[in-house]
Amino acid sequence: MGWLKVVCGLVTTVLGLLLIWPRGWFTFNILLFNGILIWFKDDFLGFKGRH
């Protein structure tokens, strides 16, 4: 369920950036990496907190 939301978000972000700013791949990669890192950290900590 969580992965589906992540995939949808990534697809939307990629399409949006391709339409708006095709040369923004460097910035996009940084934002993507940070976003995945934050999401993974939150998910992992939330998972640990629940169990």
C-alpha atoms as a PDB file:
ATOM      1  CA  MET A   1       0.000   0.000   0.000  1.00  0.00           C
ATOM      2  CA  GLY A   2       2.764   2.434   0.976  1.00  0.00           C
ATOM      3  CA  TRP A   3       4.854   1.475  -2.043  1.00  0.00           C
ATOM      4  CA  LEU A   4       1.943   2.170  -4.382  1.00  0.00           C
ATOM      5  CA  LYS A   5       1.710   5.726  -3.050  1.00  0.00           C
ATOM      6  CA  VAL A   6       5.454   6.189  -3.469  1.00  0.00           C
ATOM      7  CA  VAL A   7       5.413   4.908  -7.060  1.00  0.00           C
ATOM      8  CA  CYS A   8       2.478   7.161  -7.964  1.00  0.00           C
ATOM      9  CA  GLY A   9       4.249  10.132  -6.421  1.00  0.00           C
ATOM     10  CA  LEU A  10       7.470   9.407  -8.287  1.00  0.00           C
ATOM     11  CA  VAL A  11       5.699   9.024 -11.634  1.00  0.00           C
ATOM     12  CA  THR A  12       3.811  12.274 -11.112  1.00  0.00           C
ATOM     13  CA  THR A  13       6.996  14.085 -10.106  1.00  0.00           C
ATOM     14  CA  VAL A  14       8.945  12.780 -13.106  1.00  0.00           C
ATOM     15  CA  LEU A  15       6.213  13.714 -15.574  1.00  0.00           C
ATOM     16  CA  GLY A  16       5.763  17.131 -13.992  1.00  0.00           C
ATOM     17  CA  LEU A  17       9.485  17.879 -14.121  1.00  0.00           C
ATOM     18  CA  LEU A  18       9.770  16.687 -17.720  1.00  0.00           C
ATOM     19  CA  LEU A  19       6.959  19.043 -18.703  1.00  0.00           C
ATOM     20  CA  ILE A  20       8.119  22.026 -16.653  1.00  0.00           C
ATOM     21  CA  TRP A  21      11.911  21.898 -16.581  1.00  0.00           C
ATOM     22  CA  PRO A  22      13.630  19.241 -18.739  1.00  0.00           C
ATOM     23  CA  ARG A  23      17.107  20.408 -17.725  1.00  0.00           C
ATOM     24  CA  GLY A  24      16.447  20.111 -13.995  1.00  0.00           C
ATOM     25  CA  TRP A  25      17.648  16.513 -13.690  1.00  0.00           C
ATOM     26  CA  PHE A  26      20.494  17.351 -11.302  1.00  0.00           C
ATOM     27  CA  THR A  27      18.132  19.123  -8.919  1.00  0.00           C
ATOM     28  CA  PHE A  28      15.568  16.374  -9.416  1.00  0.00           C
ATOM     29  CA  ASN A  29      18.043  13.653  -8.453  1.00  0.00           C
ATOM     30  CA  ILE A  30      18.972  15.495  -5.258  1.00  0.00           C
ATOM     31  CA  LEU A  31      15.325  16.062  -4.332  1.00  0.00           C
ATOM     32  CA  LEU A  32      14.448  12.457  -5.159  1.00  0.00           C
ATOM     33  CA  PHE A  33      17.297  11.082  -3.060  1.00  0.00           C
ATOM     34  CA  ASN A  34      16.393  13.309  -0.105  1.00  0.00           C
ATOM     35  CA  GLY A  35      12.712  12.446  -0.447  1.00  0.00           C
ATOM     36  CA  ILE A  36      13.368   8.695  -0.477  1.00  0.00           C
ATOM     37  CA  LEU A  37      15.760   9.024   2.465  1.00  0.00           C
ATOM     38  CA  ILE A  38      13.215  10.977   4.529  1.00  0.00           C
ATOM     39  CA  TRP A  39      10.354   8.657   3.556  1.00  0.00           C
ATOM     40  CA  PHE A  40      12.374   5.529   4.371  1.00  0.00           C
ATOM     41  CA  LYS A  41      13.517   6.963   7.706  1.00  0.00           C
ATOM     42  CA  ASP A  42       9.976   7.958   8.683  1.00  0.00           C
ATOM     43  CA  ASP A  43       8.581   4.611   7.565  1.00  0.00           C
ATOM     44  CA  PHE A  44      11.261   2.643   9.421  1.00  0.00           C
ATOM     45  CA  LEU A  45      10.919   4.662  12.629  1.00  0.00           C
ATOM     46  CA  GLY A  46       7.135   4.475  12.424  1.00  0.00           C
ATOM     47  CA  PHE A  47       7.350   0.719  11.898  1.00  0.00           C
ATOM     48  CA  LYS A  48       9.669   0.339  14.880  1.00  0.00           C
ATOM     49  CA  GLY A  49       7.385   2.486  17.011  1.00  0.00           C
ATOM     50  CA  ARG A  50       4.317   0.384  16.186  1.00  0.00           C
ATOM     51  CA  HIS A  51       5.878  -2.938  17.163  1.00  0.00           C
END
